[in-house]
Amino acid sequence: MSAPRDERRVHPRFPRSVELRGSAASGKAYARLISSNLSMGGIYCTSDRAFPEMTRLAVRLMLPSPAERSEATAPLDLEAVVVRHKRLQSVVDEERHELALLFTAMDPAQRDRLGRFLSHS
């Protein structure tokens, strides 16, 4: 039996399904992403496009509008880097990839909005 792996996460993960869009820093590759969990530090999602590890991405999360009574969504634009990539086996002709993204820059307003979303949803 192997020793337990050290837990490196600083932020708790929340099971949240959020639609987002990712694009490489070059601006040439766009992907539709769906999250399976989200934290203040990053996101675990599936993608219709492969991004190699250490790729810097511009990520647009579609979160409920800050006017919390509204059902409308508003984008939250963040920067992230791919820290893990795995190609999934497909039963159809659709390419899918699992990506673990680490948020690399977040200003106080972005941090507050994401924190409110995680604590209220």
PDB file of N, CA and C in Angstrom:
ATOM      1  N   MET A   1       0.835  -1.171   0.000  1.00  0.00           N
ATOM      2  CA  MET A   1       0.000   0.000   0.000  1.00  0.00           C
ATOM      3  C   MET A   1       0.882   1.238   0.000  1.00  0.00           C
ATOM      4  N   SER A   2       0.562   2.193  -0.863  1.00  0.00           N
ATOM      5  CA  SER A   2       1.400   3.378  -0.962  1.00  0.00           C
ATOM      6  C   SER A   2       0.944   4.442   0.036  1.00  0.00           C
ATOM      7  N   ALA A   3       1.846   5.328   0.342  1.00  0.00           N
ATOM      8  CA  ALA A   3       1.543   6.423   1.269  1.00  0.00           C
ATOM      9  C   ALA A   3       0.587   7.400   0.601  1.00  0.00           C
ATOM     10  N   PRO A   4      -0.283   8.044   1.387  1.00  0.00           N
ATOM     11  CA  PRO A   4      -1.207   9.020   0.799  1.00  0.00           C
ATOM     12  C   PRO A   4      -0.446  10.169   0.158  1.00  0.00           C
ATOM     13  N   ARG A   5      -0.974  10.624  -0.963  1.00  0.00           N
ATOM     14  CA  ARG A   5      -0.368  11.741  -1.673  1.00  0.00           C
ATOM     15  C   ARG A   5      -0.636  13.026  -0.895  1.00  0.00           C
ATOM     16  N   ASP A   6       0.361  13.887  -0.803  1.00  0.00           N
ATOM     17  CA  ASP A   6       0.178  15.167  -0.121  1.00  0.00           C
ATOM     18  C   ASP A   6      -0.869  15.987  -0.859  1.00  0.00           C
ATOM     19  N   GLU A   7      -1.790  16.550  -0.124  1.00  0.00           N
ATOM     20  CA  GLU A   7      -2.824  17.416  -0.696  1.00  0.00           C
ATOM     21  C   GLU A   7      -2.222  18.805  -0.862  1.00  0.00           C
ATOM     22  N   ARG A   8      -2.179  19.286  -2.110  1.00  0.00           N
ATOM     23  CA  ARG A   8      -1.572  20.580  -2.388  1.00  0.00           C
ATOM     24  C   ARG A   8      -2.601  21.687  -2.527  1.00  0.00           C
ATOM     25  N   ARG A   9      -3.869  21.360  -2.489  1.00  0.00           N
ATOM     26  CA  ARG A   9      -4.901  22.382  -2.672  1.00  0.00           C
ATOM     27  C   ARG A   9      -5.000  23.290  -1.457  1.00  0.00           C
ATOM     28  N   VAL A  10      -5.079  24.568  -1.716  1.00  0.00           N
ATOM     29  CA  VAL A  10      -5.237  25.559  -0.665  1.00  0.00           C
ATOM     30  C   VAL A  10      -6.720  25.876  -0.480  1.00  0.00           C
ATOM     31  N   HIS A  11      -7.483  25.832  -1.570  1.00  0.00           N
ATOM     32  CA  HIS A  11      -8.895  26.216  -1.559  1.00  0.00           C
ATOM     33  C   HIS A  11      -9.798  24.997  -1.710  1.00  0.00           C
ATOM     34  N   PRO A  12     -10.895  24.953  -0.971  1.00  0.00           N
ATOM     35  CA  PRO A  12     -11.839  23.834  -1.145  1.00  0.00           C
ATOM     36  C   PRO A  12     -12.494  23.881  -2.524  1.00  0.00           C
ATOM     37  N   ARG A  13     -12.784  22.682  -3.044  1.00  0.00           N
ATOM     38  CA  ARG A  13     -13.450  22.571  -4.343  1.00  0.00           C
ATOM     39  C   ARG A  13     -14.942  22.412  -4.123  1.00  0.00           C
ATOM     40  N   PHE A  14     -15.716  23.003  -5.028  1.00  0.00           N
ATOM     41  CA  PHE A  14     -17.166  22.908  -4.985  1.00  0.00           C
ATOM     42  C   PHE A  14     -17.651  22.280  -6.287  1.00  0.00           C
ATOM     43  N   PRO A  15     -18.551  21.304  -6.209  1.00  0.00           N
ATOM     44  CA  PRO A  15     -19.082  20.706  -7.447  1.00  0.00           C
ATOM     45  C   PRO A  15     -20.007  21.714  -8.129  1.00  0.00           C
ATOM     46  N   ARG A  16     -19.525  22.326  -9.182  1.00  0.00           N
ATOM     47  CA  ARG A  16     -20.302  23.334  -9.902  1.00  0.00           C
ATOM     48  C   ARG A  16     -20.155  23.076 -11.401  1.00  0.00           C
ATOM     49  N   SER A  17     -21.274  23.049 -12.079  1.00  0.00           N
ATOM     50  CA  SER A  17     -21.266  22.933 -13.528  1.00  0.00           C
ATOM     51  C   SER A  17     -21.497  24.320 -14.110  1.00  0.00           C
ATOM     52  N   VAL A  18     -20.453  24.870 -14.673  1.00  0.00           N
ATOM     53  CA  VAL A  18     -20.489  26.217 -15.231  1.00  0.00           C
ATOM     54  C   VAL A  18     -19.954  26.144 -16.653  1.00  0.00           C
ATOM     55  N   GLU A  19     -20.624  26.830 -17.554  1.00  0.00           N
ATOM     56  CA  GLU A  19     -20.110  26.905 -18.920  1.00  0.00           C
ATOM     57  C   GLU A  19     -19.072  28.008 -18.981  1.00  0.00           C
ATOM     58  N   LEU A  20     -17.997  27.742 -19.690  1.00  0.00           N
ATOM     59  CA  LEU A  20     -16.958  28.743 -19.843  1.00  0.00           C
ATOM     60  C   LEU A  20     -16.300  28.612 -21.197  1.00  0.00           C
ATOM     61  N   ARG A  21     -15.537  29.605 -21.542  1.00  0.00           N
ATOM     62  CA  ARG A  21     -14.804  29.595 -22.798  1.00  0.00           C
ATOM     63  C   ARG A  21     -13.351  29.848 -22.477  1.00  0.00           C
ATOM     64  N   GLY A  22     -12.483  29.111 -23.135  1.00  0.00           N
ATOM     65  CA  GLY A  22     -11.060  29.297 -22.936  1.00  0.00           C
ATOM     66  C   GLY A  22     -10.387  29.588 -24.256  1.00  0.00           C
ATOM     67  N   SER A  23      -9.389  30.445 -24.211  1.00  0.00           N
ATOM     68  CA  SER A  23      -8.613  30.723 -25.410  1.00  0.00           C
ATOM     69  C   SER A  23      -7.151  30.842 -25.034  1.00  0.00           C
ATOM     70  N   ALA A  24      -6.309  30.291 -25.902  1.00  0.00           N
ATOM     71  CA  ALA A  24      -4.877  30.361 -25.674  1.00  0.00           C
ATOM     72  C   ALA A  24      -4.425  31.804 -25.790  1.00  0.00           C
ATOM     73  N   ALA A  25      -3.295  32.110 -25.179  1.00  0.00           N
ATOM     74  CA  ALA A  25      -2.775  33.473 -25.189  1.00  0.00           C
ATOM     75  C   ALA A  25      -2.578  33.989 -26.615  1.00  0.00           C
ATOM     76  N   SER A  26      -2.316  33.080 -27.542  1.00  0.00           N
ATOM     77  CA  SER A  26      -2.128  33.484 -28.937  1.00  0.00           C
ATOM     78  C   SER A  26      -3.425  33.984 -29.551  1.00  0.00           C
ATOM     79  N   GLY A  27      -4.563  33.630 -28.926  1.00  0.00           N
ATOM     80  CA  GLY A  27      -5.857  34.035 -29.446  1.00  0.00           C
ATOM     81  C   GLY A  27      -6.339  33.202 -30.613  1.00  0.00           C
ATOM     82  N   LYS A  28      -5.586  32.192 -31.005  1.00  0.00           N
ATOM     83  CA  LYS A  28      -5.942  31.384 -32.173  1.00  0.00           C
ATOM     84  C   LYS A  28      -6.778  30.165 -31.846  1.00  0.00           C
ATOM     85  N   ALA A  29      -6.742  29.687 -30.611  1.00  0.00           N
ATOM     86  CA  ALA A  29      -7.462  28.469 -30.252  1.00  0.00           C
ATOM     87  C   ALA A  29      -8.512  28.775 -29.196  1.00  0.00           C
ATOM     88  N   TYR A  30      -9.782  28.538 -29.543  1.00  0.00           N
ATOM     89  CA  TYR A  30     -10.891  28.724 -28.608  1.00  0.00           C
ATOM     90  C   TYR A  30     -11.489  27.367 -28.288  1.00  0.00           C
ATOM     91  N   ALA A  31     -11.994  27.230 -27.074  1.00  0.00           N
ATOM     92  CA  ALA A  31     -12.610  25.968 -26.673  1.00  0.00           C
ATOM     93  C   ALA A  31     -13.821  26.241 -25.811  1.00  0.00           C
ATOM     94  N   ARG A  32     -14.813  25.353 -25.930  1.00  0.00           N
ATOM     95  CA  ARG A  32     -15.979  25.382 -25.045  1.00  0.00           C
ATOM     96  C   ARG A  32     -15.665  24.409 -23.906  1.00  0.00           C
ATOM     97  N   LEU A  33     -15.789  24.884 -22.686  1.00  0.00           N
ATOM     98  CA  LEU A  33     -15.447  24.103 -21.508  1.00  0.00           C
ATOM     99  C   LEU A  33     -16.669  23.992 -20.598  1.00  0.00           C
ATOM    100  N   ILE A  34     -16.751  22.871 -19.896  1.00  0.00           N
ATOM    101  CA  ILE A  34     -17.794  22.667 -18.891  1.00  0.00           C
ATOM    102  C   ILE A  34     -17.089  22.220 -17.611  1.00  0.00           C
ATOM    103  N   SER A  35     -17.329  22.957 -16.528  1.00  0.00           N
ATOM    104  CA  SER A  35     -16.657  22.613 -15.275  1.00  0.00           C
ATOM    105  C   SER A  35     -17.357  21.463 -14.569  1.00  0.00           C
ATOM    106  N   SER A  36     -16.577  20.711 -13.810  1.00  0.00           N
ATOM    107  CA  SER A  36     -17.159  19.712 -12.907  1.00  0.00           C
ATOM    108  C   SER A  36     -16.929  20.132 -11.465  1.00  0.00           C
ATOM    109  N   ASN A  37     -15.866  20.903 -11.222  1.00  0.00           N
ATOM    110  CA  ASN A  37     -15.701  21.522  -9.909  1.00  0.00           C
ATOM    111  C   ASN A  37     -14.905  22.806 -10.050  1.00  0.00           C
ATOM    112  N   LEU A  38     -15.092  23.654  -9.066  1.00  0.00           N
ATOM    113  CA  LEU A  38     -14.551  25.007  -9.121  1.00  0.00           C
ATOM    114  C   LEU A  38     -14.112  25.407  -7.724  1.00  0.00           C
ATOM    115  N   SER A  39     -13.034  26.166  -7.648  1.00  0.00           N
ATOM    116  CA  SER A  39     -12.575  26.699  -6.366  1.00  0.00           C
ATOM    117  C   SER A  39     -12.048  28.108  -6.594  1.00  0.00           C
ATOM    118  N   MET A  40     -11.648  28.752  -5.534  1.00  0.00           N
ATOM    119  CA  MET A  40     -11.056  30.080  -5.660  1.00  0.00           C
ATOM    120  C   MET A  40      -9.700  30.003  -6.353  1.00  0.00           C
ATOM    121  N   GLY A  41      -9.108  28.826  -6.386  1.00  0.00           N
ATOM    122  CA  GLY A  41      -7.782  28.684  -6.982  1.00  0.00           C
ATOM    123  C   GLY A  41      -7.766  28.140  -8.394  1.00  0.00           C
ATOM    124  N   GLY A  42      -8.873  27.542  -8.836  1.00  0.00           N
ATOM    125  CA  GLY A  42      -8.851  26.965 -10.171  1.00  0.00           C
ATOM    126  C   GLY A  42     -10.135  26.234 -10.509  1.00  0.00           C
ATOM    127  N   ILE A  43     -10.069  25.503 -11.607  1.00  0.00           N
ATOM    128  CA  ILE A  43     -11.251  24.828 -12.121  1.00  0.00           C
ATOM    129  C   ILE A  43     -10.845  23.521 -12.782  1.00  0.00           C
ATOM    130  N   TYR A  44     -11.685  22.505 -12.625  1.00  0.00           N
ATOM    131  CA  TYR A  44     -11.493  21.221 -13.291  1.00  0.00           C
ATOM    132  C   TYR A  44     -12.626  21.100 -14.292  1.00  0.00           C
ATOM    133  N   CYS A  45     -12.302  20.858 -15.556  1.00  0.00           N
ATOM    134  CA  CYS A  45     -13.323  20.915 -16.594  1.00  0.00           C
ATOM    135  C   CYS A  45     -13.020  19.964 -17.739  1.00  0.00           C
ATOM    136  N   THR A  46     -14.004  19.812 -18.613  1.00  0.00           N
ATOM    137  CA  THR A  46     -13.798  19.093 -19.865  1.00  0.00           C
ATOM    138  C   THR A  46     -13.805  20.115 -20.991  1.00  0.00           C
ATOM    139  N   SER A  47     -13.091  19.777 -22.048  1.00  0.00           N
ATOM    140  CA  SER A  47     -12.903  20.698 -23.163  1.00  0.00           C
ATOM    141  C   SER A  47     -13.067  19.970 -24.485  1.00  0.00           C
ATOM    142  N   ASP A  48     -13.492  20.710 -25.499  1.00  0.00           N
ATOM    143  CA  ASP A  48     -13.559  20.126 -26.844  1.00  0.00           C
ATOM    144  C   ASP A  48     -12.253  20.316 -27.603  1.00  0.00           C
ATOM    145  N   ARG A  49     -11.243  20.826 -26.944  1.00  0.00           N
ATOM    146  CA  ARG A  49      -9.940  21.067 -27.570  1.00  0.00           C
ATOM    147  C   ARG A  49      -8.836  20.745 -26.570  1.00  0.00           C
ATOM    148  N   ALA A  50      -7.739  20.229 -27.074  1.00  0.00           N
ATOM    149  CA  ALA A  50      -6.582  19.927 -26.231  1.00  0.00           C
ATOM    150  C   ALA A  50      -5.744  21.188 -26.038  1.00  0.00           C
ATOM    151  N   PHE A  51      -5.323  21.408 -24.810  1.00  0.00           N
ATOM    152  CA  PHE A  51      -4.353  22.454 -24.506  1.00  0.00           C
ATOM    153  C   PHE A  51      -3.244  21.779 -23.705  1.00  0.00           C
ATOM    154  N   PRO A  52      -2.015  21.841 -24.173  1.00  0.00           N
ATOM    155  CA  PRO A  52      -0.920  21.205 -23.433  1.00  0.00           C
ATOM    156  C   PRO A  52      -0.719  21.830 -22.059  1.00  0.00           C
ATOM    157  N   GLU A  53      -0.128  21.054 -21.168  1.00  0.00           N
ATOM    158  CA  GLU A  53       0.193  21.583 -19.850  1.00  0.00           C
ATOM    159  C   GLU A  53       1.077  22.814 -19.987  1.00  0.00           C
ATOM    160  N   MET A  54       0.889  23.751 -19.091  1.00  0.00           N
ATOM    161  CA  MET A  54       1.588  25.035 -19.007  1.00  0.00           C
ATOM    162  C   MET A  54       1.120  26.047 -20.053  1.00  0.00           C
ATOM    163  N   THR A  55       0.045  25.735 -20.790  1.00  0.00           N
ATOM    164  CA  THR A  55      -0.539  26.711 -21.707  1.00  0.00           C
ATOM    165  C   THR A  55      -1.272  27.772 -20.900  1.00  0.00           C
ATOM    166  N   ARG A  56      -1.019  29.016 -21.205  1.00  0.00           N
ATOM    167  CA  ARG A  56      -1.736  30.120 -20.559  1.00  0.00           C
ATOM    168  C   ARG A  56      -3.044  30.348 -21.308  1.00  0.00           C
ATOM    169  N   LEU A  57      -4.128  30.463 -20.535  1.00  0.00           N
ATOM    170  CA  LEU A  57      -5.448  30.643 -21.126  1.00  0.00           C
ATOM    171  C   LEU A  57      -6.133  31.887 -20.574  1.00  0.00           C
ATOM    172  N   ALA A  58      -6.903  32.517 -21.441  1.00  0.00           N
ATOM    173  CA  ALA A  58      -7.879  33.514 -21.003  1.00  0.00           C
ATOM    174  C   ALA A  58      -9.175  32.736 -20.836  1.00  0.00           C
ATOM    175  N   VAL A  59      -9.783  32.812 -19.661  1.00  0.00           N
ATOM    176  CA  VAL A  59     -10.969  32.025 -19.343  1.00  0.00           C
ATOM    177  C   VAL A  59     -12.130  32.968 -19.065  1.00  0.00           C
ATOM    178  N   ARG A  60     -13.274  32.677 -19.679  1.00  0.00           N
ATOM    179  CA  ARG A  60     -14.491  33.467 -19.447  1.00  0.00           C
ATOM    180  C   ARG A  60     -15.546  32.551 -18.841  1.00  0.00           C
ATOM    181  N   LEU A  61     -15.803  32.739 -17.543  1.00  0.00           N
ATOM    182  CA  LEU A  61     -16.852  31.989 -16.848  1.00  0.00           C
ATOM    183  C   LEU A  61     -18.157  32.756 -16.989  1.00  0.00           C
ATOM    184  N   MET A  62     -19.226  32.037 -17.272  1.00  0.00           N
ATOM    185  CA  MET A  62     -20.541  32.662 -17.342  1.00  0.00           C
ATOM    186  C   MET A  62     -21.242  32.403 -16.012  1.00  0.00           C
ATOM    187  N   LEU A  63     -21.217  33.404 -15.133  1.00  0.00           N
ATOM    188  CA  LEU A  63     -21.793  33.290 -13.794  1.00  0.00           C
ATOM    189  C   LEU A  63     -23.066  34.116 -13.719  1.00  0.00           C
ATOM    190  N   PRO A  64     -23.914  33.808 -12.754  1.00  0.00           N
ATOM    191  CA  PRO A  64     -25.108  34.635 -12.570  1.00  0.00           C
ATOM    192  C   PRO A  64     -24.713  36.106 -12.424  1.00  0.00           C
ATOM    193  N   SER A  65     -25.556  36.955 -12.932  1.00  0.00           N
ATOM    194  CA  SER A  65     -25.312  38.387 -12.882  1.00  0.00           C
ATOM    195  C   SER A  65     -25.114  38.842 -11.436  1.00  0.00           C
ATOM    196  N   PRO A  66     -24.252  39.839 -11.216  1.00  0.00           N
ATOM    197  CA  PRO A  66     -24.051  40.340  -9.846  1.00  0.00           C
ATOM    198  C   PRO A  66     -25.341  40.818  -9.181  1.00  0.00           C
ATOM    199  N   ALA A  67     -26.319  41.250  -9.974  1.00  0.00           N
ATOM    200  CA  ALA A  67     -27.634  41.586  -9.415  1.00  0.00           C
ATOM    201  C   ALA A  67     -28.321  40.256  -9.140  1.00  0.00           C
ATOM    202  N   GLU A  68     -28.100  39.691  -7.962  1.00  0.00           N
ATOM    203  CA  GLU A  68     -28.419  38.292  -7.660  1.00  0.00           C
ATOM    204  C   GLU A  68     -29.877  37.903  -7.853  1.00  0.00           C
ATOM    205  N   ARG A  69     -30.778  38.851  -8.007  1.00  0.00           N
ATOM    206  CA  ARG A  69     -32.176  38.497  -8.240  1.00  0.00           C
ATOM    207  C   ARG A  69     -32.413  38.122  -9.696  1.00  0.00           C
ATOM    208  N   SER A  70     -31.483  38.461 -10.548  1.00  0.00           N
ATOM    209  CA  SER A  70     -31.645  38.213 -11.981  1.00  0.00           C
ATOM    210  C   SER A  70     -31.188  36.806 -12.337  1.00  0.00           C
ATOM    211  N   GLU A  71     -31.826  36.202 -13.345  1.00  0.00           N
ATOM    212  CA  GLU A  71     -31.379  34.902 -13.842  1.00  0.00           C
ATOM    213  C   GLU A  71     -30.400  35.058 -14.986  1.00  0.00           C
ATOM    214  N   ALA A  72     -30.092  36.287 -15.357  1.00  0.00           N
ATOM    215  CA  ALA A  72     -29.147  36.538 -16.442  1.00  0.00           C
ATOM    216  C   ALA A  72     -27.737  36.166 -15.989  1.00  0.00           C
ATOM    217  N   THR A  73     -26.890  35.886 -16.961  1.00  0.00           N
ATOM    218  CA  THR A  73     -25.492  35.611 -16.652  1.00  0.00           C
ATOM    219  C   THR A  73     -24.634  36.760 -17.142  1.00  0.00           C
ATOM    220  N   ALA A  74     -23.493  36.902 -16.511  1.00  0.00           N
ATOM    221  CA  ALA A  74     -22.523  37.920 -16.900  1.00  0.00           C
ATOM    222  C   ALA A  74     -21.141  37.270 -16.859  1.00  0.00           C
ATOM    223  N   PRO A  75     -20.269  37.625 -17.783  1.00  0.00           N
ATOM    224  CA  PRO A  75     -18.952  36.984 -17.827  1.00  0.00           C
ATOM    225  C   PRO A  75     -18.046  37.419 -16.679  1.00  0.00           C
ATOM    226  N   LEU A  76     -17.210  36.489 -16.278  1.00  0.00           N
ATOM    227  CA  LEU A  76     -16.131  36.772 -15.345  1.00  0.00           C
ATOM    228  C   LEU A  76     -14.862  36.337 -16.060  1.00  0.00           C
ATOM    229  N   ASP A  77     -14.027  37.286 -16.467  1.00  0.00           N
ATOM    230  CA  ASP A  77     -12.818  37.000 -17.235  1.00  0.00           C
ATOM    231  C   ASP A  77     -11.619  36.859 -16.315  1.00  0.00           C
ATOM    232  N   LEU A  78     -10.951  35.702 -16.411  1.00  0.00           N
ATOM    233  CA  LEU A  78      -9.808  35.387 -15.564  1.00  0.00           C
ATOM    234  C   LEU A  78      -8.658  34.849 -16.410  1.00  0.00           C
ATOM    235  N   GLU A  79      -7.484  34.810 -15.829  1.00  0.00           N
ATOM    236  CA  GLU A  79      -6.314  34.198 -16.459  1.00  0.00           C
ATOM    237  C   GLU A  79      -6.016  32.893 -15.732  1.00  0.00           C
ATOM    238  N   ALA A  80      -5.609  31.883 -16.508  1.00  0.00           N
ATOM    239  CA  ALA A  80      -5.312  30.574 -15.921  1.00  0.00           C
ATOM    240  C   ALA A  80      -4.194  29.904 -16.702  1.00  0.00           C
ATOM    241  N   VAL A  81      -3.654  28.853 -16.107  1.00  0.00           N
ATOM    242  CA  VAL A  81      -2.664  28.026 -16.777  1.00  0.00           C
ATOM    243  C   VAL A  81      -3.099  26.571 -16.629  1.00  0.00           C
ATOM    244  N   VAL A  82      -2.890  25.780 -17.685  1.00  0.00           N
ATOM    245  CA  VAL A  82      -3.221  24.357 -17.658  1.00  0.00           C
ATOM    246  C   VAL A  82      -2.161  23.633 -16.842  1.00  0.00           C
ATOM    247  N   VAL A  83      -2.578  22.988 -15.753  1.00  0.00           N
ATOM    248  CA  VAL A  83      -1.621  22.245 -14.927  1.00  0.00           C
ATOM    249  C   VAL A  83      -1.744  20.743 -15.120  1.00  0.00           C
ATOM    250  N   ARG A  84      -2.847  20.310 -15.732  1.00  0.00           N
ATOM    251  CA  ARG A  84      -3.001  18.881 -16.026  1.00  0.00           C
ATOM    252  C   ARG A  84      -3.921  18.723 -17.228  1.00  0.00           C
ATOM    253  N   HIS A  85      -3.568  17.800 -18.119  1.00  0.00           N
ATOM    254  CA  HIS A  85      -4.365  17.513 -19.316  1.00  0.00           C
ATOM    255  C   HIS A  85      -4.450  16.002 -19.500  1.00  0.00           C
ATOM    256  N   LYS A  86      -5.643  15.522 -19.843  1.00  0.00           N
ATOM    257  CA  LYS A  86      -5.835  14.104 -20.123  1.00  0.00           C
ATOM    258  C   LYS A  86      -6.856  13.966 -21.242  1.00  0.00           C
ATOM    259  N   ARG A  87      -6.488  13.257 -22.296  1.00  0.00           N
ATOM    260  CA  ARG A  87      -7.439  13.010 -23.375  1.00  0.00           C
ATOM    261  C   ARG A  87      -8.386  11.898 -22.934  1.00  0.00           C
ATOM    262  N   LEU A  88      -9.685  12.113 -23.156  1.00  0.00           N
ATOM    263  CA  LEU A  88     -10.699  11.138 -22.763  1.00  0.00           C
ATOM    264  C   LEU A  88     -10.997  10.175 -23.896  1.00  0.00           C
ATOM    265  N   GLN A  89     -11.341   8.952 -23.532  1.00  0.00           N
ATOM    266  CA  GLN A  89     -11.818   7.988 -24.520  1.00  0.00           C
ATOM    267  C   GLN A  89     -13.198   8.439 -24.978  1.00  0.00           C
ATOM    268  N   SER A  90     -13.444   8.411 -26.264  1.00  0.00           N
ATOM    269  CA  SER A  90     -14.713   8.879 -26.790  1.00  0.00           C
ATOM    270  C   SER A  90     -15.492   7.730 -27.405  1.00  0.00           C
ATOM    271  N   VAL A  91     -16.788   7.694 -27.123  1.00  0.00           N
ATOM    272  CA  VAL A  91     -17.646   6.678 -27.731  1.00  0.00           C
ATOM    273  C   VAL A  91     -18.310   7.223 -28.990  1.00  0.00           C
ATOM    274  N   VAL A  92     -18.197   8.503 -29.205  1.00  0.00           N
ATOM    275  CA  VAL A  92     -18.677   9.139 -30.429  1.00  0.00           C
ATOM    276  C   VAL A  92     -17.496   9.865 -31.058  1.00  0.00           C
ATOM    277  N   ASP A  93     -17.720  10.471 -32.179  1.00  0.00           N
ATOM    278  CA  ASP A  93     -16.622  11.158 -32.869  1.00  0.00           C
ATOM    279  C   ASP A  93     -16.336  12.549 -32.319  1.00  0.00           C
ATOM    280  N   GLU A  94     -16.639  12.771 -31.057  1.00  0.00           N
ATOM    281  CA  GLU A  94     -16.409  14.066 -30.446  1.00  0.00           C
ATOM    282  C   GLU A  94     -15.159  13.992 -29.578  1.00  0.00           C
ATOM    283  N   GLU A  95     -14.214  14.864 -29.831  1.00  0.00           N
ATOM    284  CA  GLU A  95     -12.980  14.910 -29.065  1.00  0.00           C
ATOM    285  C   GLU A  95     -13.249  15.596 -27.723  1.00  0.00           C
ATOM    286  N   ARG A  96     -12.813  14.984 -26.606  1.00  0.00           N
ATOM    287  CA  ARG A  96     -12.987  15.567 -25.278  1.00  0.00           C
ATOM    288  C   ARG A  96     -11.696  15.416 -24.485  1.00  0.00           C
ATOM    289  N   HIS A  97     -11.432  16.396 -23.643  1.00  0.00           N
ATOM    290  CA  HIS A  97     -10.221  16.427 -22.826  1.00  0.00           C
ATOM    291  C   HIS A  97     -10.585  16.908 -21.429  1.00  0.00           C
ATOM    292  N   GLU A  98      -9.913  16.351 -20.436  1.00  0.00           N
ATOM    293  CA  GLU A  98     -10.038  16.849 -19.060  1.00  0.00           C
ATOM    294  C   GLU A  98      -8.887  17.815 -18.823  1.00  0.00           C
ATOM    295  N   LEU A  99      -9.206  18.953 -18.241  1.00  0.00           N
ATOM    296  CA  LEU A  99      -8.194  19.962 -17.954  1.00  0.00           C
ATOM    297  C   LEU A  99      -8.314  20.417 -16.505  1.00  0.00           C
ATOM    298  N   ALA A 100      -7.187  20.559 -15.854  1.00  0.00           N
ATOM    299  CA  ALA A 100      -7.136  21.203 -14.545  1.00  0.00           C
ATOM    300  C   ALA A 100      -6.461  22.551 -14.777  1.00  0.00           C
ATOM    301  N   LEU A 101      -7.167  23.620 -14.435  1.00  0.00           N
ATOM    302  CA  LEU A 101      -6.669  24.972 -14.649  1.00  0.00           C
ATOM    303  C   LEU A 101      -6.414  25.649 -13.311  1.00  0.00           C
ATOM    304  N   LEU A 102      -5.308  26.332 -13.214  1.00  0.00           N
ATOM    305  CA  LEU A 102      -4.941  27.105 -12.028  1.00  0.00           C
ATOM    306  C   LEU A 102      -5.105  28.582 -12.369  1.00  0.00           C
ATOM    307  N   PHE A 103      -5.924  29.305 -11.600  1.00  0.00           N
ATOM    308  CA  PHE A 103      -6.067  30.741 -11.834  1.00  0.00           C
ATOM    309  C   PHE A 103      -4.762  31.429 -11.467  1.00  0.00           C
ATOM    310  N   THR A 104      -4.296  32.311 -12.341  1.00  0.00           N
ATOM    311  CA  THR A 104      -2.998  32.954 -12.113  1.00  0.00           C
ATOM    312  C   THR A 104      -3.106  34.428 -11.770  1.00  0.00           C
ATOM    313  N   ALA A 105      -4.230  35.040 -12.055  1.00  0.00           N
ATOM    314  CA  ALA A 105      -4.404  36.457 -11.729  1.00  0.00           C
ATOM    315  C   ALA A 105      -5.879  36.712 -11.453  1.00  0.00           C
ATOM    316  N   MET A 106      -6.146  37.408 -10.339  1.00  0.00           N
ATOM    317  CA  MET A 106      -7.518  37.724  -9.984  1.00  0.00           C
ATOM    318  C   MET A 106      -7.491  38.999  -9.135  1.00  0.00           C
ATOM    319  N   ASP A 107      -8.205  40.021  -9.597  1.00  0.00           N
ATOM    320  CA  ASP A 107      -8.243  41.251  -8.806  1.00  0.00           C
ATOM    321  C   ASP A 107      -9.283  41.102  -7.688  1.00  0.00           C
ATOM    322  N   PRO A 108      -9.303  42.033  -6.726  1.00  0.00           N
ATOM    323  CA  PRO A 108     -10.234  41.895  -5.591  1.00  0.00           C
ATOM    324  C   PRO A 108     -11.707  41.792  -5.994  1.00  0.00           C
ATOM    325  N   ALA A 109     -12.139  42.526  -7.015  1.00  0.00           N
ATOM    326  CA  ALA A 109     -13.542  42.454  -7.443  1.00  0.00           C
ATOM    327  C   ALA A 109     -13.861  41.082  -8.033  1.00  0.00           C
ATOM    328  N   GLN A 110     -12.938  40.522  -8.812  1.00  0.00           N
ATOM    329  CA  GLN A 110     -13.136  39.185  -9.377  1.00  0.00           C
ATOM    330  C   GLN A 110     -13.170  38.144  -8.262  1.00  0.00           C
ATOM    331  N   ARG A 111     -12.262  38.272  -7.313  1.00  0.00           N
ATOM    332  CA  ARG A 111     -12.197  37.334  -6.189  1.00  0.00           C
ATOM    333  C   ARG A 111     -13.497  37.387  -5.377  1.00  0.00           C
ATOM    334  N   ASP A 112     -14.006  38.580  -5.147  1.00  0.00           N
ATOM    335  CA  ASP A 112     -15.247  38.744  -4.399  1.00  0.00           C
ATOM    336  C   ASP A 112     -16.419  38.107  -5.147  1.00  0.00           C
ATOM    337  N   ARG A 113     -16.506  38.351  -6.434  1.00  0.00           N
ATOM    338  CA  ARG A 113     -17.627  37.800  -7.217  1.00  0.00           C
ATOM    339  C   ARG A 113     -17.588  36.285  -7.255  1.00  0.00           C
ATOM    340  N   LEU A 114     -16.406  35.707  -7.486  1.00  0.00           N
ATOM    341  CA  LEU A 114     -16.292  34.249  -7.509  1.00  0.00           C
ATOM    342  C   LEU A 114     -16.595  33.674  -6.127  1.00  0.00           C
ATOM    343  N   GLY A 115     -16.109  34.311  -5.085  1.00  0.00           N
ATOM    344  CA  GLY A 115     -16.384  33.848  -3.724  1.00  0.00           C
ATOM    345  C   GLY A 115     -17.870  33.857  -3.401  1.00  0.00           C
ATOM    346  N   ARG A 116     -18.567  34.918  -3.821  1.00  0.00           N
ATOM    347  CA  ARG A 116     -20.008  34.979  -3.592  1.00  0.00           C
ATOM    348  C   ARG A 116     -20.735  33.875  -4.351  1.00  0.00           C
ATOM    349  N   PHE A 117     -20.308  33.618  -5.594  1.00  0.00           N
ATOM    350  CA  PHE A 117     -20.931  32.551  -6.378  1.00  0.00           C
ATOM    351  C   PHE A 117     -20.732  31.197  -5.698  1.00  0.00           C
ATOM    352  N   LEU A 118     -19.539  30.917  -5.232  1.00  0.00           N
ATOM    353  CA  LEU A 118     -19.255  29.627  -4.599  1.00  0.00           C
ATOM    354  C   LEU A 118     -19.994  29.458  -3.283  1.00  0.00           C
ATOM    355  N   SER A 119     -20.165  30.521  -2.531  1.00  0.00           N
ATOM    356  CA  SER A 119     -20.816  30.400  -1.233  1.00  0.00           C
ATOM    357  C   SER A 119     -22.341  30.402  -1.316  1.00  0.00           C
ATOM    358  N   HIS A 120     -22.909  30.895  -2.418  1.00  0.00           N
ATOM    359  CA  HIS A 120     -24.358  31.008  -2.525  1.00  0.00           C
ATOM    360  C   HIS A 120     -24.997  30.032  -3.489  1.00  0.00           C
ATOM    361  N   SER A 121     -24.232  29.287  -4.230  1.00  0.00           N
ATOM    362  CA  SER A 121     -24.868  28.397  -5.206  1.00  0.00           C
ATOM    363  C   SER A 121     -24.809  26.963  -4.778  1.00  0.00           C
TER     364      SER A 121
END
